[in-house]
Amino acid sequence: MAQSEQEYYRKKLDTYFSKDHETARYFSITDKGITLYAEPEAKAEVTLSWREVDSLKNIISNIPGAELEKLLTEKKDSLYYYIKKDSLHYTHAQSLKGMKIAIDPGHIGGTFHMGETESRCMNLMIDSTKQIELVEGNLTFFTAQLLKKKLETQGAQVMLTRPDTGISSLGLSFFEWKRKIKIRGYTDSLLKQGLITDKEIKLLHVRMEDKNLFSNVFGPMDLSERARKINAFNPDITVIIHYNVNEKNLGWTRTSNKDYVMAFVAGCTTSTDLKTLQGRLNLLRLLISPDIENSVSLSSDVVTHLSTDLKVPIAKKTDASYLSEHCLSTPATGVYSRNLALTRLIHGTLVYGEPLYQDNEKECCLLTAPGENVEGCTVANRIALVADAYYKGIVDYVNSLTKK
């Protein structure tokens, strides 16, 4: 039994995490269990017997980070007592009725100016008389709204990480935050919640243009708050919605002929990510829990429907430089392990979808064509088709749970 577990976890470590060979040196997988080291060949930091691994694997994703750190680094007999507590016997729904689903509409959007601030917009020249403006944060929000309605119709409880276009997960716009951050009490509250670091607070005193302020301080804080909200909600499934672009088409002032669908899950860890105890425990969580395997299964179902319904080819590893340089292939076609903030920070089963390229010569027109009315705004049928493909993928995944 221990031998088969060793083989399973060694293979999992190699498949999903070991982007560089140094990563594996933080772990020792033997017939006695799994040991985590603070640094390669240092004194053991956490040691779990196979009995403990087996007891923890289905509940570790539900334990808050600070609690997990204390439990594993100070554990003695208390670990078994903790595992046996009734509060940790979580049961997740296996049908859409009663299922908790979190949806994160990527980026912020709102005005084109905000899209420029977060570098997530484009002004595409179609011909001498026509230009198309796209703001990704608006596309993702309307997709999320449509998907939310479909899921709620089937009895799911759905949570969005942000309430509207132009509004962040903190409940205010970037420009409102710029004014509020000057208040010491507000900054202190963010620091206490772990949403901002001392280093980032120091950056607030450096004169920066809005783009740099967003990328260096506000953006990371917004992502941390999204992850915090989702983990507090403790969903059965998390859906992270984005729209992609051709990485070579810099400036995004002209259209491209490329168009691919792909999805990301956690992993592709490097030794740099393991310099902190939080980073090491997070990898341990991902290693012993079924989060990645379940995420690959969900993502595969979503990618299949996105590709089939939208008629967009599934991306191979050679179709984008970041796929070959910053990702590891998973057993599912078009699903890649990538060390993104949300795939790393969010616990549980997730799909981080990239359904199409906005700057594609056909897609940009479809994405701005008249269509459905959502929250008082006219949303293109192409966006509704994306939401429907997500929905079908989720349904397929949920149906597969009932067959297990």
Protein backbone atom coordinates (compact mmCIF):
# COMPACT_ATOMS: atom_id res chain seq x y z
CA MET A 1 0.00 0.00 0.00
CA ALA A 2 2.74 2.46 0.99
CA GLN A 3 4.69 1.51 -2.15
CA SER A 4 1.76 2.34 -4.45
CA GLU A 5 1.21 5.64 -2.63
CA GLN A 6 4.88 6.52 -3.05
CA GLU A 7 4.67 5.93 -6.78
CA TYR A 8 1.43 7.94 -7.06
CA TYR A 9 2.72 11.02 -5.23
CA ARG A 10 6.13 10.95 -6.89
CA LYS A 11 4.47 10.85 -10.29
CA LYS A 12 2.08 13.64 -9.27
CA LEU A 13 4.97 15.79 -8.05
CA ASP A 14 6.80 15.29 -11.33
CA THR A 15 3.74 15.77 -13.57
CA TYR A 16 2.19 18.89 -12.05
CA PHE A 17 4.84 20.67 -10.02
CA SER A 18 8.46 20.09 -10.91
CA LYS A 19 9.15 22.89 -13.35
CA ASP A 20 12.75 22.81 -12.15
CA HIS A 21 14.57 19.89 -10.53
CA GLU A 22 15.10 21.84 -7.32
CA THR A 23 11.39 21.64 -6.42
CA ALA A 24 11.46 17.91 -5.74
CA ARG A 25 14.30 18.39 -3.26
CA TYR A 26 11.91 20.08 -0.83
CA PHE A 27 10.04 16.77 -0.47
CA SER A 28 10.94 13.26 0.59
CA ILE A 29 8.46 10.53 -0.32
CA THR A 30 9.33 7.20 1.35
CA ASP A 31 7.64 4.09 2.70
CA LYS A 32 7.07 6.02 5.95
CA GLY A 33 5.22 8.97 4.42
CA ILE A 34 5.84 12.49 3.07
CA THR A 35 8.37 14.91 4.56
CA LEU A 36 8.58 18.61 3.74
CA TYR A 37 11.83 20.56 4.19
CA ALA A 38 12.34 24.28 4.76
CA GLU A 39 15.15 24.07 2.22
CA PRO A 40 16.78 21.16 0.37
CA GLU A 41 18.61 18.74 2.67
CA ALA A 42 17.72 20.80 5.76
CA LYS A 43 15.99 19.57 8.91
CA ALA A 44 12.49 18.19 8.35
CA GLU A 45 9.80 20.88 8.67
CA VAL A 46 6.66 18.71 8.42
CA THR A 47 6.41 14.92 8.39
CA LEU A 48 3.17 13.11 7.59
CA SER A 49 2.77 9.35 7.89
CA TRP A 50 0.74 7.61 5.20
CA ARG A 51 -2.07 7.28 7.74
CA GLU A 52 -2.02 11.05 8.25
CA VAL A 53 -1.86 11.71 4.50
CA ASP A 54 -4.86 9.46 3.97
CA SER A 55 -6.81 11.23 6.74
CA LEU A 56 -5.92 14.74 5.57
CA LYS A 57 -6.20 14.48 1.79
CA ASN A 58 -9.96 15.06 1.56
CA ILE A 59 -10.16 17.87 4.13
CA ILE A 60 -6.88 19.77 3.80
CA SER A 61 -8.35 22.18 1.23
CA ASN A 62 -10.98 23.28 3.76
CA ILE A 63 -8.47 24.25 6.46
CA PRO A 64 -7.54 27.96 6.46
CA GLY A 65 -3.87 28.68 5.79
CA ALA A 66 -2.97 29.99 9.25
CA GLU A 67 -4.75 27.08 10.91
CA LEU A 68 -3.04 24.56 8.63
CA GLU A 69 0.36 26.06 9.41
CA LYS A 70 -0.20 25.73 13.15
CA LEU A 71 -1.67 22.24 12.82
CA LEU A 72 1.17 20.79 10.78
CA THR A 73 4.15 22.56 12.30
CA GLU A 74 3.07 22.02 15.92
CA LYS A 75 1.29 18.69 15.50
CA LYS A 76 1.53 15.84 17.92
CA ASP A 77 -1.48 13.77 18.86
CA SER A 78 -3.62 16.85 18.17
CA LEU A 79 -3.62 16.13 14.43
CA TYR A 80 -5.84 13.08 14.82
CA TYR A 81 -8.14 14.91 17.22
CA TYR A 82 -8.42 17.74 14.70
CA ILE A 83 -9.22 15.38 11.83
CA LYS A 84 -11.97 13.69 13.84
CA LYS A 85 -13.75 16.94 14.65
CA ASP A 86 -17.27 16.93 13.17
CA SER A 87 -16.68 20.43 11.77
CA LEU A 88 -14.12 19.06 9.35
CA HIS A 89 -16.29 16.36 7.82
CA TYR A 90 -17.29 18.50 4.87
CA THR A 91 -19.72 17.09 2.34
CA HIS A 92 -19.85 18.63 -1.11
CA ALA A 93 -22.93 18.56 -3.31
CA GLN A 94 -22.92 16.21 -6.27
CA SER A 95 -25.70 17.84 -8.25
CA LEU A 96 -26.23 21.43 -9.30
CA LYS A 97 -29.12 21.73 -6.88
CA GLY A 98 -27.55 22.95 -3.65
CA MET A 99 -24.06 23.18 -5.13
CA LYS A 100 -21.95 26.22 -4.21
CA ILE A 101 -20.19 27.74 -7.21
CA ALA A 102 -17.86 30.76 -7.14
CA ILE A 103 -17.33 32.76 -10.33
CA ASP A 104 -14.45 35.18 -10.73
CA PRO A 105 -14.92 37.56 -13.69
CA GLY A 106 -11.29 38.33 -14.55
CA HIS A 107 -9.90 41.87 -14.36
CA ILE A 108 -12.04 44.94 -13.61
CA GLY A 109 -13.14 46.72 -16.77
CA GLY A 110 -15.60 49.58 -16.80
CA THR A 111 -14.38 52.48 -18.94
CA PHE A 112 -11.78 52.18 -21.68
CA HIS A 113 -9.52 54.36 -19.52
CA MET A 114 -9.69 51.74 -16.75
CA GLY A 115 -8.94 49.06 -19.33
CA GLU A 116 -5.82 51.00 -20.28
CA THR A 117 -4.84 51.33 -16.61
CA GLU A 118 -4.94 47.58 -16.10
CA SER A 119 -3.54 46.91 -19.62
CA ARG A 120 -6.57 44.83 -20.53
CA CYS A 121 -8.16 46.61 -23.48
CA MET A 122 -7.60 47.02 -27.19
CA ASN A 123 -8.50 49.41 -29.98
CA LEU A 124 -8.44 47.34 -33.17
CA MET A 125 -8.28 48.98 -36.59
CA ILE A 126 -10.57 46.94 -38.85
CA ASP A 127 -10.29 49.18 -41.91
CA SER A 128 -9.87 52.88 -42.66
CA THR A 129 -13.37 53.63 -41.39
CA LYS A 130 -13.93 51.15 -38.56
CA GLN A 131 -12.32 50.57 -35.16
CA ILE A 132 -13.37 48.13 -32.44
CA GLU A 133 -12.77 48.78 -28.76
CA LEU A 134 -12.73 45.86 -26.32
CA VAL A 135 -12.34 45.91 -22.52
CA GLU A 136 -11.70 42.41 -21.18
CA GLY A 137 -13.09 43.08 -17.70
CA ASN A 138 -16.48 43.87 -19.25
CA LEU A 139 -16.48 40.72 -21.38
CA THR A 140 -15.71 38.54 -18.36
CA PHE A 141 -18.33 40.21 -16.16
CA PHE A 142 -21.17 39.77 -18.64
CA THR A 143 -20.11 36.17 -19.26
CA ALA A 144 -20.20 35.60 -15.49
CA GLN A 145 -23.68 37.14 -15.21
CA LEU A 146 -25.07 34.87 -17.93
CA LEU A 147 -23.44 31.80 -16.42
CA LYS A 148 -24.70 32.72 -12.94
CA LYS A 149 -28.30 32.86 -14.18
CA LYS A 150 -28.00 29.45 -15.86
CA LEU A 151 -26.56 27.84 -12.73
CA GLU A 152 -29.07 29.45 -10.37
CA THR A 153 -31.94 28.22 -12.55
CA GLN A 154 -30.75 24.69 -11.72
CA GLY A 155 -30.63 25.38 -7.99
CA ALA A 156 -26.96 26.26 -7.51
CA GLN A 157 -25.84 28.91 -5.01
CA VAL A 158 -23.57 31.27 -6.95
CA MET A 159 -21.17 33.95 -5.72
CA LEU A 160 -19.39 36.54 -7.87
CA THR A 161 -16.11 38.00 -6.62
CA ARG A 162 -16.96 41.50 -7.87
CA PRO A 163 -20.35 43.22 -8.19
CA ASP A 164 -20.13 45.17 -11.45
CA THR A 165 -17.97 46.38 -14.31
CA GLY A 166 -15.36 48.84 -13.14
CA ILE A 167 -15.61 47.59 -9.54
CA SER A 168 -12.91 45.44 -7.95
CA SER A 169 -13.32 42.60 -5.46
CA LEU A 170 -12.78 45.22 -2.73
CA GLY A 171 -16.13 46.78 -3.65
CA LEU A 172 -14.70 49.99 -5.10
CA SER A 173 -13.01 51.20 -8.27
CA PHE A 174 -9.26 51.64 -8.64
CA PHE A 175 -9.64 55.42 -8.66
CA GLU A 176 -11.80 55.39 -5.51
CA TRP A 177 -9.14 53.20 -3.88
CA LYS A 178 -6.44 55.74 -4.86
CA ARG A 179 -8.25 58.36 -2.82
CA LYS A 180 -9.09 56.06 0.09
CA ILE A 181 -5.59 54.58 0.41
CA LYS A 182 -4.34 57.93 1.71
CA ILE A 183 -6.32 57.31 4.91
CA ARG A 184 -4.05 55.60 7.45
CA GLY A 185 -6.85 53.60 9.06
CA TYR A 186 -7.84 52.06 5.73
CA THR A 187 -4.25 51.06 4.94
CA ASP A 188 -3.91 49.51 8.41
CA SER A 189 -7.08 47.46 7.88
CA LEU A 190 -5.72 46.10 4.59
CA LEU A 191 -2.44 45.22 6.27
CA LYS A 192 -4.26 43.43 9.09
CA GLN A 193 -6.27 41.38 6.58
CA GLY A 194 -3.09 40.37 4.79
CA LEU A 195 -4.21 42.06 1.57
CA ILE A 196 -1.24 44.42 1.41
CA THR A 197 2.37 44.06 2.56
CA ASP A 198 4.73 46.50 4.25
CA LYS A 199 6.72 46.57 1.02
CA GLU A 200 3.65 47.57 -0.98
CA ILE A 201 2.75 50.27 1.58
CA LYS A 202 6.21 51.78 1.06
CA LEU A 203 5.53 51.86 -2.67
CA LEU A 204 2.51 54.08 -1.99
CA HIS A 205 4.91 56.84 -1.01
CA VAL A 206 6.72 56.61 -4.35
CA ARG A 207 5.29 58.72 -7.13
CA MET A 208 4.03 56.24 -9.74
CA GLU A 209 1.80 56.54 -12.74
CA ASP A 210 -1.51 54.71 -12.53
CA LYS A 211 -0.40 51.68 -14.57
CA ASN A 212 2.54 51.00 -12.26
CA LEU A 213 0.48 51.62 -9.14
CA PHE A 214 -2.11 49.16 -10.41
CA SER A 215 0.36 46.41 -11.36
CA ASN A 216 2.58 46.74 -8.27
CA VAL A 217 0.04 47.35 -5.50
CA PHE A 218 -3.66 47.36 -6.39
CA GLY A 219 -3.67 44.38 -8.78
CA PRO A 220 -2.00 41.88 -6.38
CA MET A 221 -4.24 43.11 -3.53
CA ASP A 222 -7.36 42.65 -5.66
CA LEU A 223 -6.31 39.08 -6.54
CA SER A 224 -5.66 38.25 -2.88
CA GLU A 225 -9.13 39.50 -1.97
CA ARG A 226 -10.72 37.40 -4.74
CA ALA A 227 -8.99 34.29 -3.39
CA ARG A 228 -9.94 35.17 0.21
CA LYS A 229 -13.61 35.61 -0.74
CA ILE A 230 -13.70 32.34 -2.65
CA ASN A 231 -12.01 30.29 0.07
CA ALA A 232 -14.34 31.77 2.69
CA PHE A 233 -17.33 30.78 0.53
CA ASN A 234 -15.91 27.20 0.38
CA PRO A 235 -17.37 26.40 -3.05
CA ASP A 236 -17.73 22.99 -4.67
CA ILE A 237 -16.43 24.56 -7.91
CA THR A 238 -14.68 27.81 -8.82
CA VAL A 239 -14.91 29.23 -12.35
CA ILE A 240 -12.33 31.87 -13.32
CA ILE A 241 -13.30 33.61 -16.55
CA HIS A 242 -10.83 35.32 -18.87
CA TYR A 243 -10.52 36.08 -22.57
CA ASN A 244 -7.17 35.64 -24.31
CA VAL A 245 -5.11 37.52 -26.92
CA ASN A 246 -2.34 36.69 -29.35
CA GLU A 247 0.81 37.33 -27.28
CA LYS A 248 2.77 38.29 -30.42
CA ASN A 249 0.25 40.93 -31.48
CA LEU A 250 1.66 43.55 -29.11
CA GLY A 251 -0.17 46.85 -28.84
CA TRP A 252 -3.39 45.20 -29.99
CA THR A 253 -4.16 47.85 -32.56
CA ARG A 254 -4.59 45.36 -35.40
CA THR A 255 -6.32 42.01 -35.67
CA SER A 256 -4.70 38.56 -35.66
CA ASN A 257 -5.57 35.32 -37.42
CA LYS A 258 -4.82 33.19 -34.33
CA ASP A 259 -7.55 31.76 -32.13
CA TYR A 260 -7.23 29.04 -29.45
CA VAL A 261 -8.99 27.75 -26.36
CA MET A 262 -7.12 26.56 -23.24
CA ALA A 263 -7.50 26.31 -19.46
CA PHE A 264 -5.13 26.41 -16.50
CA VAL A 265 -4.95 24.59 -13.19
CA ALA A 266 -2.46 24.87 -10.33
CA GLY A 267 1.14 23.64 -10.41
CA CYS A 268 4.26 24.30 -12.46
CA THR A 269 6.00 25.30 -9.24
CA THR A 270 9.59 26.48 -9.12
CA SER A 271 11.95 26.51 -6.15
CA THR A 272 11.43 30.28 -5.88
CA ASP A 273 7.81 29.62 -4.85
CA LEU A 274 9.03 27.47 -1.95
CA LYS A 275 11.11 30.09 -0.15
CA THR A 276 8.26 30.76 2.33
CA LEU A 277 6.48 28.35 4.67
CA GLN A 278 3.16 29.46 3.17
CA GLY A 279 4.38 28.51 -0.29
CA ARG A 280 5.62 25.11 0.87
CA LEU A 281 2.42 24.27 2.75
CA ASN A 282 0.37 25.33 -0.25
CA LEU A 283 2.27 22.91 -2.44
CA LEU A 284 1.80 20.20 0.19
CA ARG A 285 -1.94 20.87 0.09
CA LEU A 286 -2.00 20.57 -3.67
CA LEU A 287 0.14 17.44 -3.57
CA ILE A 288 -1.93 15.39 -1.13
CA SER A 289 -5.43 16.71 -1.92
CA PRO A 290 -7.36 15.72 -5.09
CA ASP A 291 -7.74 19.42 -6.05
CA ILE A 292 -5.56 19.27 -9.16
CA GLU A 293 -6.97 15.99 -10.48
CA ASN A 294 -10.54 17.27 -10.03
CA SER A 295 -9.61 20.62 -11.60
CA VAL A 296 -8.13 18.88 -14.63
CA SER A 297 -11.32 16.85 -15.04
CA LEU A 298 -13.58 19.93 -14.79
CA SER A 299 -11.31 21.99 -17.06
CA SER A 300 -11.21 19.24 -19.68
CA ASP A 301 -15.01 19.17 -19.85
CA VAL A 302 -15.15 22.97 -20.15
CA VAL A 303 -12.41 23.12 -22.81
CA THR A 304 -14.18 20.42 -24.83
CA HIS A 305 -17.42 22.41 -24.96
CA LEU A 306 -15.69 25.73 -25.58
CA SER A 307 -13.82 24.24 -28.52
CA THR A 308 -16.81 22.34 -29.96
CA ASP A 309 -19.47 25.02 -29.47
CA LEU A 310 -17.31 28.01 -30.45
CA LYS A 311 -15.44 26.10 -33.17
CA VAL A 312 -12.10 27.26 -31.74
CA PRO A 313 -9.14 24.84 -31.86
CA ILE A 314 -7.61 23.61 -28.59
CA ALA A 315 -4.15 25.04 -27.97
CA LYS A 316 -1.12 22.77 -28.17
CA LYS A 317 1.95 23.53 -26.12
CA THR A 318 3.69 24.97 -29.19
CA ASP A 319 0.89 27.46 -29.91
CA ALA A 320 2.06 30.06 -27.35
CA SER A 321 5.46 30.71 -25.81
CA TYR A 322 4.05 30.87 -22.25
CA LEU A 323 2.64 27.36 -22.68
CA SER A 324 6.08 25.95 -23.43
CA GLU A 325 8.05 28.21 -21.07
CA HIS A 326 5.77 28.64 -18.04
CA CYS A 327 3.44 25.64 -18.06
CA LEU A 328 3.44 21.87 -17.67
CA SER A 329 1.13 19.67 -19.70
CA THR A 330 -1.55 17.72 -17.83
CA PRO A 331 -3.14 14.43 -18.93
CA ALA A 332 -5.99 16.46 -20.50
CA THR A 333 -5.62 18.11 -23.91
CA GLY A 334 -5.61 21.90 -23.70
CA VAL A 335 -5.34 21.95 -19.88
CA TYR A 336 -2.04 23.18 -18.44
CA SER A 337 -0.53 23.53 -14.98
CA ARG A 338 0.45 27.17 -14.52
CA ASN A 339 1.55 29.00 -11.39
CA LEU A 340 -0.94 31.88 -11.56
CA ALA A 341 -1.98 33.76 -8.42
CA LEU A 342 -5.53 32.40 -8.39
CA THR A 343 -4.70 28.81 -9.37
CA ARG A 344 -2.17 28.84 -6.51
CA LEU A 345 -4.28 30.60 -3.84
CA ILE A 346 -7.75 29.18 -4.41
CA HIS A 347 -8.55 25.90 -2.67
CA GLY A 348 -10.67 23.17 -4.23
CA THR A 349 -11.78 22.33 -7.75
CA LEU A 350 -11.39 25.11 -10.32
CA VAL A 351 -11.25 25.95 -14.01
CA TYR A 352 -9.32 29.00 -15.22
CA GLY A 353 -10.65 29.34 -18.74
CA GLU A 354 -9.31 31.20 -21.78
CA PRO A 355 -12.00 30.51 -24.42
CA LEU A 356 -10.82 32.56 -27.42
CA TYR A 357 -8.54 35.36 -28.67
CA GLN A 358 -10.27 38.75 -28.48
CA ASP A 359 -7.99 40.25 -31.13
CA ASN A 360 -8.82 37.55 -33.66
CA GLU A 361 -10.11 39.10 -36.91
CA LYS A 362 -13.49 37.33 -36.60
CA GLU A 363 -13.85 37.16 -32.83
CA CYS A 364 -13.55 40.92 -32.26
CA CYS A 365 -16.54 41.49 -34.54
CA LEU A 366 -18.58 38.71 -32.94
CA LEU A 367 -17.81 39.98 -29.44
CA THR A 368 -19.19 43.44 -30.27
CA ALA A 369 -22.23 42.39 -32.30
CA PRO A 370 -25.75 43.14 -30.94
CA GLY A 371 -27.28 40.37 -28.86
CA GLU A 372 -28.81 39.65 -25.44
CA ASN A 373 -29.75 42.17 -22.76
CA VAL A 374 -27.86 41.59 -19.50
CA GLU A 375 -28.20 44.00 -16.58
CA GLY A 376 -29.39 46.72 -18.95
CA CYS A 377 -26.52 46.18 -21.41
CA THR A 378 -26.64 44.53 -24.81
CA VAL A 379 -24.31 41.52 -24.79
CA ALA A 380 -23.13 39.79 -27.96
CA ASN A 381 -24.41 36.31 -28.75
CA ARG A 382 -20.79 35.18 -28.84
CA ILE A 383 -20.47 35.96 -25.13
CA ALA A 384 -23.70 34.07 -24.43
CA LEU A 385 -22.25 31.10 -26.33
CA VAL A 386 -19.13 31.19 -24.14
CA ALA A 387 -21.27 31.22 -20.97
CA ASP A 388 -23.31 28.30 -22.29
CA ALA A 389 -20.16 26.29 -23.04
CA TYR A 390 -18.93 26.85 -19.46
CA TYR A 391 -22.33 25.74 -18.21
CA LYS A 392 -22.33 22.55 -20.30
CA GLY A 393 -18.80 21.71 -19.13
CA ILE A 394 -19.82 22.15 -15.49
CA VAL A 395 -22.90 19.96 -15.99
CA ASP A 396 -20.78 17.20 -17.59
CA TYR A 397 -18.32 17.33 -14.70
CA VAL A 398 -21.08 17.23 -12.06
CA ASN A 399 -22.76 14.32 -13.85
CA SER A 400 -19.46 12.43 -13.78
CA LEU A 401 -19.38 12.80 -9.97
CA THR A 402 -22.63 10.90 -9.59
CA LYS A 403 -21.19 7.99 -11.59
CA LYS A 404 -18.17 7.56 -9.30
